[in-house]
C-alpha atoms as a PDB file:
ATOM      1  CA  UNK A   1      38.338 -51.965-130.853  1.00  0.00           C
ATOM      2  CA  UNK A   2      41.047 -51.576-133.419  1.00  0.00           C
ATOM      3  CA  UNK A   3      41.198 -48.425-135.458  1.00  0.00           C
ATOM      4  CA  UNK A   4      39.680 -48.561-138.921  1.00  0.00           C
ATOM      5  CA  UNK A   5      43.066 -48.147-140.513  1.00  0.00           C
ATOM      6  CA  UNK A   6      44.394 -51.254-138.679  1.00  0.00           C
ATOM      7  CA  UNK A   7      41.282 -53.327-139.648  1.00  0.00           C
ATOM      8  CA  UNK A   8      41.840 -52.477-143.302  1.00  0.00           C
ATOM      9  CA  UNK A   9      45.486 -53.473-143.001  1.00  0.00           C
ATOM     10  CA  UNK A  10      44.485 -56.871-141.522  1.00  0.00           C
ATOM     11  CA  UNK A  11      41.946 -57.607-144.294  1.00  0.00           C
ATOM     12  CA  UNK A  12      43.236 -60.041-146.877  1.00  0.00           C
ATOM     13  CA  UNK A  13      43.845 -58.758-150.336  1.00  0.00           C
ATOM     14  CA  UNK A  14      42.182 -61.094-152.926  1.00  0.00           C
ATOM     15  CA  UNK A  15      45.171 -60.745-155.176  1.00  0.00           C
ATOM     16  CA  UNK A  16      47.375 -62.265-152.457  1.00  0.00           C
ATOM     17  CA  UNK A  17      45.336 -65.539-152.308  1.00  0.00           C
ATOM     18  CA  UNK A  18      47.167 -68.385-154.104  1.00  0.00           C
ATOM     19  CA  UNK A  19      45.491 -69.960-157.122  1.00  0.00           C
ATOM     20  CA  UNK A  20      45.171 -73.424-155.541  1.00  0.00           C
ATOM     21  CA  UNK A  21      43.481 -72.077-152.402  1.00  0.00           C
ATOM     22  CA  UNK A  22      39.978 -73.097-153.532  1.00  0.00           C
ATOM     23  CA  UNK A  23      41.020 -76.432-155.092  1.00  0.00           C
ATOM     24  CA  UNK A  24      40.110 -79.529-153.030  1.00  0.00           C
ATOM     25  CA  UNK A  25      43.130 -80.846-151.223  1.00  0.00           C
ATOM     26  CA  UNK A  26      44.118 -84.455-152.036  1.00  0.00           C
ATOM     27  CA  UNK A  27      44.556 -86.666-149.042  1.00  0.00           C
ATOM     28  CA  UNK A  28      47.635 -88.829-148.710  1.00  0.00           C
ATOM     29  CA  UNK A  29      46.214 -92.341-149.066  1.00  0.00           C
ATOM     30  CA  UNK A  30      49.510 -94.195-149.419  1.00  0.00           C
ATOM     31  CA  UNK A  31      49.527 -95.171-145.769  1.00  0.00           C
ATOM     32  CA  UNK A  32      45.903 -96.312-145.877  1.00  0.00           C
ATOM     33  CA  UNK A  33      46.511 -98.344-149.026  1.00  0.00           C
ATOM     34  CA  UNK A  34      49.444-100.073-147.373  1.00  0.00           C
ATOM     35  CA  UNK A  35      47.215-101.122-144.495  1.00  0.00           C
ATOM     36  CA  UNK A  36      44.049-102.007-146.385  1.00  0.00           C
ATOM     37  CA  UNK A  37      44.751-104.860-148.814  1.00  0.00           C
ATOM     38  CA  UNK A  38      42.300-107.061-150.698  1.00  0.00           C
ATOM     39  CA  UNK A  39      41.349-110.005-148.528  1.00  0.00           C
ATOM     40  CA  UNK A  40      42.723-113.375-149.618  1.00  0.00           C
ATOM     41  CA  UNK A  41      41.114-116.740-149.097  1.00  0.00           C
ATOM     42  CA  UNK A  42      42.864-119.426-147.070  1.00  0.00           C
ATOM     43  CA  UNK A  43      44.203-121.238-150.161  1.00  0.00           C
ATOM     44  CA  UNK A  44      45.208-118.013-151.937  1.00  0.00           C
ATOM     45  CA  UNK A  45      47.164-116.888-148.896  1.00  0.00           C
ATOM     46  CA  UNK A  46      48.798-120.326-148.622  1.00  0.00           C
ATOM     47  CA  UNK A  47      49.861-120.223-152.271  1.00  0.00           C
ATOM     48  CA  UNK A  48      51.183-116.669-151.806  1.00  0.00           C
ATOM     49  CA  UNK A  49      53.345-117.781-148.882  1.00  0.00           C
ATOM     50  CA  UNK A  50      54.465-120.952-150.655  1.00  0.00           C
ATOM     51  CA  UNK A  51      55.734-118.937-153.621  1.00  0.00           C
ATOM     52  CA  UNK A  52      58.016-116.995-151.266  1.00  0.00           C
ATOM     53  CA  UNK A  53      59.700-120.247-150.195  1.00  0.00           C
ATOM     54  CA  UNK A  54      62.392-120.726-152.829  1.00  0.00           C
ATOM     55  CA  UNK A  55      63.355-124.210-151.671  1.00  0.00           C
ATOM     56  CA  UNK A  56      59.774-125.469-151.794  1.00  0.00           C
ATOM     57  CA  UNK A  57      59.166-123.914-155.211  1.00  0.00           C
ATOM     58  CA  UNK A  58      62.402-125.436-156.474  1.00  0.00           C
ATOM     59  CA  UNK A  59      61.243-128.842-155.277  1.00  0.00           C
ATOM     60  CA  UNK A  60      57.856-128.317-156.947  1.00  0.00           C
ATOM     61  CA  UNK A  61      59.471-127.377-160.270  1.00  0.00           C
ATOM     62  CA  UNK A  62      61.761-130.413-160.098  1.00  0.00           C
ATOM     63  CA  UNK A  63      58.828-132.748-159.443  1.00  0.00           C
ATOM     64  CA  UNK A  64      56.850-131.275-162.347  1.00  0.00           C
ATOM     65  CA  UNK A  65      59.811-131.810-164.668  1.00  0.00           C
ATOM     66  CA  UNK A  66      60.306-135.317-163.270  1.00  0.00           C
ATOM     67  CA  UNK A  67      56.668-136.187-163.935  1.00  0.00           C
ATOM     68  CA  UNK A  68      56.935-134.792-167.473  1.00  0.00           C
ATOM     69  CA  UNK A  69      60.066-136.852-168.206  1.00  0.00           C
ATOM     70  CA  UNK A  70      58.555-139.965-166.625  1.00  0.00           C
ATOM     71  CA  UNK A  71      55.707-139.735-169.140  1.00  0.00           C
ATOM     72  CA  UNK A  72      57.573-138.602-172.237  1.00  0.00           C
ATOM     73  CA  UNK A  73      61.205-139.499-171.459  1.00  0.00           C
ATOM     74  CA  UNK A  74      61.118-143.067-172.820  1.00  0.00           C
ATOM     75  CA  UNK A  75      59.510-141.717-176.003  1.00  0.00           C
ATOM     76  CA  UNK A  76      62.513-139.455-176.621  1.00  0.00           C
ATOM     77  CA  UNK A  77      64.874-142.402-176.881  1.00  0.00           C
ATOM     78  CA  UNK A  78      65.006-144.758-179.869  1.00  0.00           C
ATOM     79  CA  UNK A  79      65.728-147.642-177.496  1.00  0.00           C
ATOM     80  CA  UNK A  80      63.182-149.675-175.524  1.00  0.00           C
ATOM     81  CA  UNK A  81      63.415-150.556-171.863  1.00  0.00           C
ATOM     82  CA  UNK A  82      64.172-154.254-172.441  1.00  0.00           C
ATOM     83  CA  UNK A  83      66.267-153.963-175.596  1.00  0.00           C
ATOM     84  CA  UNK A  84      69.617-155.752-175.145  1.00  0.00           C
ATOM     85  CA  UNK A  85      72.648-155.329-177.386  1.00  0.00           C
ATOM     86  CA  UNK A  86      75.644-157.266-176.108  1.00  0.00           C
ATOM     87  CA  UNK A  87      77.988-155.354-178.382  1.00  0.00           C
ATOM     88  CA  UNK A  88      77.097-152.149-176.478  1.00  0.00           C
ATOM     89  CA  UNK A  89      77.888-153.415-172.988  1.00  0.00           C
ATOM     90  CA  UNK A  90      78.891-150.762-170.438  1.00  0.00           C
ATOM     91  CA  UNK A  91      79.166-147.923-172.928  1.00  0.00           C
ATOM     92  CA  UNK A  92      79.741-144.493-171.316  1.00  0.00           C
ATOM     93  CA  UNK A  93      77.313-141.619-171.949  1.00  0.00           C
ATOM     94  CA  UNK A  94      77.365-140.553-175.585  1.00  0.00           C
ATOM     95  CA  UNK A  95      75.156-139.116-178.312  1.00  0.00           C
ATOM     96  CA  UNK A  96      73.699-142.578-178.982  1.00  0.00           C
ATOM     97  CA  UNK A  97      73.140-143.462-175.312  1.00  0.00           C
ATOM     98  CA  UNK A  98      72.744-140.251-173.282  1.00  0.00           C
ATOM     99  CA  UNK A  99      73.117-141.999-169.910  1.00  0.00           C
ATOM    100  CA  UNK A 100      75.277-144.856-171.170  1.00  0.00           C
ATOM    101  CA  UNK A 101      74.434-148.579-171.177  1.00  0.00           C
ATOM    102  CA  UNK A 102      74.467-151.365-168.583  1.00  0.00           C
ATOM    103  CA  UNK A 103      76.078-154.800-168.567  1.00  0.00           C
ATOM    104  CA  UNK A 104      73.508-156.161-171.033  1.00  0.00           C
ATOM    105  CA  UNK A 105      73.742-153.217-173.399  1.00  0.00           C
ATOM    106  CA  UNK A 106      70.417-151.724-172.326  1.00  0.00           C
ATOM    107  CA  UNK A 107      69.960-147.961-172.563  1.00  0.00           C
ATOM    108  CA  UNK A 108      70.236-146.397-169.090  1.00  0.00           C
ATOM    109  CA  UNK A 109      68.375-143.238-170.160  1.00  0.00           C
ATOM    110  CA  UNK A 110      65.258-145.197-171.131  1.00  0.00           C
ATOM    111  CA  UNK A 111      65.421-147.397-168.059  1.00  0.00           C
ATOM    112  CA  UNK A 112      65.886-144.374-165.760  1.00  0.00           C
ATOM    113  CA  UNK A 113      62.679-142.692-166.908  1.00  0.00           C
ATOM    114  CA  UNK A 114      60.794-145.964-166.969  1.00  0.00           C
ATOM    115  CA  UNK A 115      61.944-146.432-163.379  1.00  0.00           C
ATOM    116  CA  UNK A 116      60.627-142.943-162.624  1.00  0.00           C
ATOM    117  CA  UNK A 117      57.206-144.104-163.807  1.00  0.00           C
ATOM    118  CA  UNK A 118      57.324-147.055-161.414  1.00  0.00           C
ATOM    119  CA  UNK A 119      58.553-145.019-158.460  1.00  0.00           C
ATOM    120  CA  UNK A 120      56.082-142.157-158.900  1.00  0.00           C
ATOM    121  CA  UNK A 121      53.196-144.564-159.490  1.00  0.00           C
ATOM    122  CA  UNK A 122      54.004-146.490-156.303  1.00  0.00           C
ATOM    123  CA  UNK A 123      54.408-143.293-154.275  1.00  0.00           C
ATOM    124  CA  UNK A 124      51.207-141.656-155.527  1.00  0.00           C
ATOM    125  CA  UNK A 125      49.131-144.820-155.159  1.00  0.00           C
ATOM    126  CA  UNK A 126      50.400-145.359-151.624  1.00  0.00           C
ATOM    127  CA  UNK A 127      49.557-141.747-150.730  1.00  0.00           C
ATOM    128  CA  UNK A 128      46.044-142.009-152.217  1.00  0.00           C
ATOM    129  CA  UNK A 129      45.261-145.276-150.439  1.00  0.00           C
ATOM    130  CA  UNK A 130      46.578-143.853-147.170  1.00  0.00           C
ATOM    131  CA  UNK A 131      44.371-140.806-147.768  1.00  0.00           C
ATOM    132  CA  UNK A 132      41.120-142.706-148.271  1.00  0.00           C
ATOM    133  CA  UNK A 133      41.649-145.280-145.514  1.00  0.00           C
ATOM    134  CA  UNK A 134      43.355-142.997-142.998  1.00  0.00           C
ATOM    135  CA  UNK A 135      40.909-140.099-143.388  1.00  0.00           C
ATOM    136  CA  UNK A 136      37.847-142.319-143.082  1.00  0.00           C
ATOM    137  CA  UNK A 137      39.217-144.317-140.144  1.00  0.00           C
ATOM    138  CA  UNK A 138      40.672-141.367-138.238  1.00  0.00           C
ATOM    139  CA  UNK A 139      37.627-139.190-138.897  1.00  0.00           C
ATOM    140  CA  UNK A 140      35.204-141.769-137.528  1.00  0.00           C
ATOM    141  CA  UNK A 141      37.399-142.533-134.519  1.00  0.00           C
ATOM    142  CA  UNK A 142      37.846-138.879-133.596  1.00  0.00           C
ATOM    143  CA  UNK A 143      34.220-137.875-134.156  1.00  0.00           C
ATOM    144  CA  UNK A 144      32.611-140.821-132.368  1.00  0.00           C
ATOM    145  CA  UNK A 145      35.008-140.798-129.423  1.00  0.00           C
ATOM    146  CA  UNK A 146      34.440-142.847-126.288  1.00  0.00           C
ATOM    147  CA  UNK A 147      34.509-146.622-126.566  1.00  0.00           C
ATOM    148  CA  UNK A 148      34.519-146.570-130.379  1.00  0.00           C
ATOM    149  CA  UNK A 149      37.617-144.396-130.430  1.00  0.00           C
ATOM    150  CA  UNK A 150      39.334-146.577-127.831  1.00  0.00           C
ATOM    151  CA  UNK A 151      38.741-149.814-129.770  1.00  0.00           C
ATOM    152  CA  UNK A 152      39.776-148.315-133.101  1.00  0.00           C
ATOM    153  CA  UNK A 153      42.975-146.893-131.660  1.00  0.00           C
ATOM    154  CA  UNK A 154      43.915-150.253-130.141  1.00  0.00           C
ATOM    155  CA  UNK A 155      43.631-151.760-133.629  1.00  0.00           C
ATOM    156  CA  UNK A 156      45.950-149.051-134.941  1.00  0.00           C
ATOM    157  CA  UNK A 157      48.488-149.811-132.222  1.00  0.00           C
ATOM    158  CA  UNK A 158      48.464-153.496-133.181  1.00  0.00           C
ATOM    159  CA  UNK A 159      49.019-152.708-136.862  1.00  0.00           C
ATOM    160  CA  UNK A 160      51.721-150.198-136.006  1.00  0.00           C
ATOM    161  CA  UNK A 161      53.599-152.859-134.061  1.00  0.00           C
ATOM    162  CA  UNK A 162      53.759-155.344-136.957  1.00  0.00           C
ATOM    163  CA  UNK A 163      57.288-155.752-138.400  1.00  0.00           C
ATOM    164  CA  UNK A 164      57.305-154.204-141.847  1.00  0.00           C
ATOM    165  CA  UNK A 165      59.624-156.704-143.512  1.00  0.00           C
ATOM    166  CA  UNK A 166      57.691-159.629-142.055  1.00  0.00           C
ATOM    167  CA  UNK A 167      54.490-158.319-143.626  1.00  0.00           C
ATOM    168  CA  UNK A 168      56.242-157.877-146.980  1.00  0.00           C
ATOM    169  CA  UNK A 169      57.707-161.369-146.943  1.00  0.00           C
ATOM    170  CA  UNK A 170      54.361-162.947-146.068  1.00  0.00           C
ATOM    171  CA  UNK A 171      52.658-161.061-148.869  1.00  0.00           C
ATOM    172  CA  UNK A 172      55.370-162.076-151.313  1.00  0.00           C
ATOM    173  CA  UNK A 173      54.836-165.721-150.375  1.00  0.00           C
ATOM    174  CA  UNK A 174      51.097-165.419-150.929  1.00  0.00           C
ATOM    175  CA  UNK A 175      50.964-163.025-153.909  1.00  0.00           C
ATOM    176  CA  UNK A 176      54.421-163.306-155.460  1.00  0.00           C
ATOM    177  CA  UNK A 177      56.829-160.432-156.208  1.00  0.00           C
ATOM    178  CA  UNK A 178      55.072-157.793-158.289  1.00  0.00           C
ATOM    179  CA  UNK A 179      54.117-154.140-158.366  1.00  0.00           C
ATOM    180  CA  UNK A 180      50.727-154.900-156.800  1.00  0.00           C
ATOM    181  CA  UNK A 181      52.428-156.728-153.928  1.00  0.00           C
ATOM    182  CA  UNK A 182      54.610-153.701-153.184  1.00  0.00           C
ATOM    183  CA  UNK A 183      51.622-151.357-153.132  1.00  0.00           C
ATOM    184  CA  UNK A 184      49.653-153.680-150.842  1.00  0.00           C
ATOM    185  CA  UNK A 185      52.658-154.097-148.541  1.00  0.00           C
ATOM    186  CA  UNK A 186      53.141-150.336-148.307  1.00  0.00           C
ATOM    187  CA  UNK A 187      49.494-149.652-147.514  1.00  0.00           C
ATOM    188  CA  UNK A 188      48.754-152.472-145.038  1.00  0.00           C
ATOM    189  CA  UNK A 189      50.173-150.373-142.220  1.00  0.00           C
ATOM    190  CA  UNK A 190      51.037-147.144-144.072  1.00  0.00           C
ATOM    191  CA  UNK A 191      47.665-145.482-143.435  1.00  0.00           C
ATOM    192  CA  UNK A 192      48.162-145.588-139.659  1.00  0.00           C
ATOM    193  CA  UNK A 193      50.025-142.270-139.541  1.00  0.00           C
ATOM    194  CA  UNK A 194      47.365-140.528-141.599  1.00  0.00           C
ATOM    195  CA  UNK A 195      44.612-141.892-139.351  1.00  0.00           C
ATOM    196  CA  UNK A 196      46.352-140.569-136.235  1.00  0.00           C
ATOM    197  CA  UNK A 197      46.751-137.089-137.695  1.00  0.00           C
ATOM    198  CA  UNK A 198      43.132-136.897-138.848  1.00  0.00           C
ATOM    199  CA  UNK A 199      41.870-138.189-135.501  1.00  0.00           C
ATOM    200  CA  UNK A 200      43.808-135.515-133.617  1.00  0.00           C
ATOM    201  CA  UNK A 201      42.453-132.775-135.867  1.00  0.00           C
ATOM    202  CA  UNK A 202      38.880-134.015-135.588  1.00  0.00           C
ATOM    203  CA  UNK A 203      39.093-134.185-131.788  1.00  0.00           C
ATOM    204  CA  UNK A 204      39.914-130.472-131.785  1.00  0.00           C
ATOM    205  CA  UNK A 205      37.250-129.459-134.301  1.00  0.00           C
ATOM    206  CA  UNK A 206      34.244-131.509-133.263  1.00  0.00           C
ATOM    207  CA  UNK A 207      33.356-129.186-130.369  1.00  0.00           C
ATOM    208  CA  UNK A 208      33.428-126.029-132.493  1.00  0.00           C
ATOM    209  CA  UNK A 209      30.231-124.047-133.006  1.00  0.00           C
ATOM    210  CA  UNK A 210      29.753-124.877-136.676  1.00  0.00           C
ATOM    211  CA  UNK A 211      29.882-128.610-135.922  1.00  0.00           C
ATOM    212  CA  UNK A 212      27.458-128.280-133.020  1.00  0.00           C
ATOM    213  CA  UNK A 213      25.146-126.286-135.280  1.00  0.00           C
ATOM    214  CA  UNK A 214      25.149-129.079-137.868  1.00  0.00           C
ATOM    215  CA  UNK A 215      24.385-131.595-135.140  1.00  0.00           C
ATOM    216  CA  UNK A 216      21.478-129.515-133.882  1.00  0.00           C
ATOM    217  CA  UNK A 217      19.999-129.496-137.397  1.00  0.00           C
ATOM    218  CA  UNK A 218      20.140-133.283-137.481  1.00  0.00           C
ATOM    219  CA  UNK A 219      23.028-133.769-139.923  1.00  0.00           C
ATOM    220  CA  UNK A 220      24.354-137.316-140.137  1.00  0.00           C
ATOM    221  CA  UNK A 221      27.866-138.314-139.156  1.00  0.00           C
ATOM    222  CA  UNK A 222      28.963-138.858-142.765  1.00  0.00           C
ATOM    223  CA  UNK A 223      27.807-135.406-143.831  1.00  0.00           C
ATOM    224  CA  UNK A 224      29.404-133.675-140.838  1.00  0.00           C
ATOM    225  CA  UNK A 225      32.748-135.349-141.554  1.00  0.00           C
ATOM    226  CA  UNK A 226      32.596-134.554-145.279  1.00  0.00           C
ATOM    227  CA  UNK A 227      31.251-130.993-145.106  1.00  0.00           C
ATOM    228  CA  UNK A 228      32.509-129.641-141.771  1.00  0.00           C
ATOM    229  CA  UNK A 229      35.478-131.587-140.471  1.00  0.00           C
ATOM    230  CA  UNK A 230      37.354-132.799-143.545  1.00  0.00           C
ATOM    231  CA  UNK A 231      37.718-129.391-145.292  1.00  0.00           C
ATOM    232  CA  UNK A 232      39.210-127.924-142.112  1.00  0.00           C
ATOM    233  CA  UNK A 233      41.820-130.690-141.839  1.00  0.00           C
ATOM    234  CA  UNK A 234      43.050-130.594-145.451  1.00  0.00           C
ATOM    235  CA  UNK A 235      46.194-128.662-144.547  1.00  0.00           C
ATOM    236  CA  UNK A 236      47.767-131.379-142.358  1.00  0.00           C
ATOM    237  CA  UNK A 237      46.421-134.063-144.709  1.00  0.00           C
ATOM    238  CA  UNK A 238      48.142-132.552-147.752  1.00  0.00           C
ATOM    239  CA  UNK A 239      51.399-132.186-145.842  1.00  0.00           C
ATOM    240  CA  UNK A 240      51.224-135.820-144.705  1.00  0.00           C
ATOM    241  CA  UNK A 241      50.592-136.976-148.280  1.00  0.00           C
ATOM    242  CA  UNK A 242      53.639-135.118-149.586  1.00  0.00           C
ATOM    243  CA  UNK A 243      55.731-136.888-146.944  1.00  0.00           C
ATOM    244  CA  UNK A 244      54.156-140.290-147.670  1.00  0.00           C
ATOM    245  CA  UNK A 245      55.185-140.253-151.349  1.00  0.00           C
ATOM    246  CA  UNK A 246      58.994-140.139-150.781  1.00  0.00           C
ATOM    247  CA  UNK A 247      58.714-142.768-148.055  1.00  0.00           C
ATOM    248  CA  UNK A 248      56.922-145.099-150.457  1.00  0.00           C
ATOM    249  CA  UNK A 249      59.431-144.364-153.232  1.00  0.00           C
ATOM    250  CA  UNK A 250      62.345-145.209-150.974  1.00  0.00           C
ATOM    251  CA  UNK A 251      60.589-148.360-149.722  1.00  0.00           C
ATOM    252  CA  UNK A 252      59.994-149.536-153.296  1.00  0.00           C
ATOM    253  CA  UNK A 253      63.617-148.867-154.213  1.00  0.00           C
ATOM    254  CA  UNK A 254      64.772-150.712-151.089  1.00  0.00           C
ATOM    255  CA  UNK A 255      62.583-153.750-151.797  1.00  0.00           C
ATOM    256  CA  UNK A 256      63.598-153.834-155.453  1.00  0.00           C
ATOM    257  CA  UNK A 257      67.226-153.532-154.409  1.00  0.00           C
ATOM    258  CA  UNK A 258      66.770-156.648-152.252  1.00  0.00           C
ATOM    259  CA  UNK A 259      65.116-158.474-155.141  1.00  0.00           C
ATOM    260  CA  UNK A 260      61.668-158.414-153.534  1.00  0.00           C
ATOM    261  CA  UNK A 261      60.083-155.861-155.854  1.00  0.00           C
ATOM    262  CA  UNK A 262      60.013-155.238-159.578  1.00  0.00           C
ATOM    263  CA  UNK A 263      61.506-158.064-161.604  1.00  0.00           C
ATOM    264  CA  UNK A 264      63.452-157.912-164.867  1.00  0.00           C
ATOM    265  CA  UNK A 265      63.083-157.003-167.695  1.00  0.00           C
ATOM    266  CA  UNK A 266      61.115-154.123-166.129  1.00  0.00           C
ATOM    267  CA  UNK A 267      63.146-151.360-164.573  1.00  0.00           C
ATOM    268  CA  UNK A 268      62.945-149.386-161.373  1.00  0.00           C
ATOM    269  CA  UNK A 269      65.538-147.269-159.638  1.00  0.00           C
ATOM    270  CA  UNK A 270      66.043-149.961-156.998  1.00  0.00           C
ATOM    271  CA  UNK A 271      66.555-152.690-159.623  1.00  0.00           C
ATOM    272  CA  UNK A 272      69.046-150.485-161.489  1.00  0.00           C
ATOM    273  CA  UNK A 273      70.962-149.829-158.255  1.00  0.00           C
ATOM    274  CA  UNK A 274      71.033-153.562-157.506  1.00  0.00           C
ATOM    275  CA  UNK A 275      72.356-154.334-160.981  1.00  0.00           C
ATOM    276  CA  UNK A 276      75.075-151.719-160.501  1.00  0.00           C
ATOM    277  CA  UNK A 277      76.725-153.202-157.425  1.00  0.00           C
ATOM    278  CA  UNK A 278      80.498-153.110-157.758  1.00  0.00           C
ATOM    279  CA  UNK A 279      80.540-150.757-160.741  1.00  0.00           C
ATOM    280  CA  UNK A 280      82.628-148.162-158.885  1.00  0.00           C
ATOM    281  CA  UNK A 281      85.634-150.470-158.927  1.00  0.00           C
ATOM    282  CA  UNK A 282      85.118-151.280-162.596  1.00  0.00           C
ATOM    283  CA  UNK A 283      84.768-147.604-163.558  1.00  0.00           C
ATOM    284  CA  UNK A 284      81.194-147.840-164.874  1.00  0.00           C
ATOM    285  CA  UNK A 285      80.009-145.039-162.592  1.00  0.00           C
ATOM    286  CA  UNK A 286      77.055-143.933-164.755  1.00  0.00           C
ATOM    287  CA  UNK A 287      75.129-147.148-164.075  1.00  0.00           C
ATOM    288  CA  UNK A 288      74.851-146.304-160.378  1.00  0.00           C
ATOM    289  CA  UNK A 289      74.985-142.511-160.531  1.00  0.00           C
ATOM    290  CA  UNK A 290      71.725-141.840-162.374  1.00  0.00           C
ATOM    291  CA  UNK A 291      69.350-144.058-160.348  1.00  0.00           C
ATOM    292  CA  UNK A 292      70.988-143.001-157.067  1.00  0.00           C
ATOM    293  CA  UNK A 293      70.829-139.319-158.049  1.00  0.00           C
ATOM    294  CA  UNK A 294      67.138-139.405-158.944  1.00  0.00           C
ATOM    295  CA  UNK A 295      66.197-141.355-155.815  1.00  0.00           C
ATOM    296  CA  UNK A 296      67.982-138.777-153.641  1.00  0.00           C
ATOM    297  CA  UNK A 297      66.773-135.739-155.598  1.00  0.00           C
ATOM    298  CA  UNK A 298      63.145-136.924-155.634  1.00  0.00           C
ATOM    299  CA  UNK A 299      63.079-137.597-151.908  1.00  0.00           C
ATOM    300  CA  UNK A 300      64.725-134.233-151.213  1.00  0.00           C
ATOM    301  CA  UNK A 301      62.225-132.403-153.464  1.00  0.00           C
ATOM    302  CA  UNK A 302      59.218-133.999-151.769  1.00  0.00           C
ATOM    303  CA  UNK A 303      60.597-133.263-148.308  1.00  0.00           C
ATOM    304  CA  UNK A 304      61.313-129.584-148.950  1.00  0.00           C
ATOM    305  CA  UNK A 305      57.913-129.230-150.631  1.00  0.00           C
ATOM    306  CA  UNK A 306      56.258-130.842-147.616  1.00  0.00           C
ATOM    307  CA  UNK A 307      58.064-128.483-145.240  1.00  0.00           C
ATOM    308  CA  UNK A 308      57.034-125.520-147.367  1.00  0.00           C
ATOM    309  CA  UNK A 309      53.410-126.645-147.438  1.00  0.00           C
ATOM    310  CA  UNK A 310      53.453-127.138-143.686  1.00  0.00           C
ATOM    311  CA  UNK A 311      54.472-123.506-143.189  1.00  0.00           C
ATOM    312  CA  UNK A 312      52.140-122.200-145.898  1.00  0.00           C
ATOM    313  CA  UNK A 313      49.067-124.061-144.629  1.00  0.00           C
ATOM    314  CA  UNK A 314      49.649-123.262-140.949  1.00  0.00           C
ATOM    315  CA  UNK A 315      46.741-120.990-139.934  1.00  0.00           C
ATOM    316  CA  UNK A 316      48.820-119.513-137.115  1.00  0.00           C
ATOM    317  CA  UNK A 317      51.147-117.914-139.663  1.00  0.00           C
ATOM    318  CA  UNK A 318      48.357-116.409-141.733  1.00  0.00           C
ATOM    319  CA  UNK A 319      48.395-112.613-141.828  1.00  0.00           C
END
């Protein structure tokens, strides 16, 4: 045992205890807060990742502005789309005609945004029709499987092998050149790619537990596709739709450039490009520059947005 004098020396003097000795110590939670984050839903996480993609967001902003100008752009000009003034032929861009005039004195600014209406309408309609037909066809083929799937896929292979221009020409002979003819021509075989994607997704999902549970409860095929399979395939479907729109826009411009699409006095970017053949040599560059620029910029914006959506909606990249 220690002597009493040493025990007293080892006892703590209350005056030596610091003031914060009895205060509860605060734990360092910065590390825990960095690990524990509020859980995000699938679509919230996809939007969060899409916002980090500057190229995709730039394409989205451009398309929003393009849609706004397609609706309100012609209203900003005092000139109409078919108004001709021969005294204003081939005028360069000015305060009166912001994009200049063409060989008939028509305002290029008004015709450019009217052409944007045509191009966006054709692209969106083609994407929507491909969505409804392709999702229904591919969903049924993938879910049913067996002989039904085999027969339906052989039909797809036949449609996929049809020459595109031959189909367009036959439709033009029967229906005549018009906007409706272009949309029908684009969608006769355009839904095939969507159907293949949906079929592949459904083949992977139909053996999952939640689908088997719905089957055991007696759910019908239509309900299983709508409630179980379709929501889980929306990522690839949305990406495919964003890639279908620029393809349809370019196809419309190509057909109108060949004279098989929109007819005068209505305007589309393809018609404006066709009317501008040879303007480089004459120096009237603005007649070709604006339709060519917006065709290229729109296709580029849709493609970068589609690539961004593909990365954002990929479940393998979800944190």
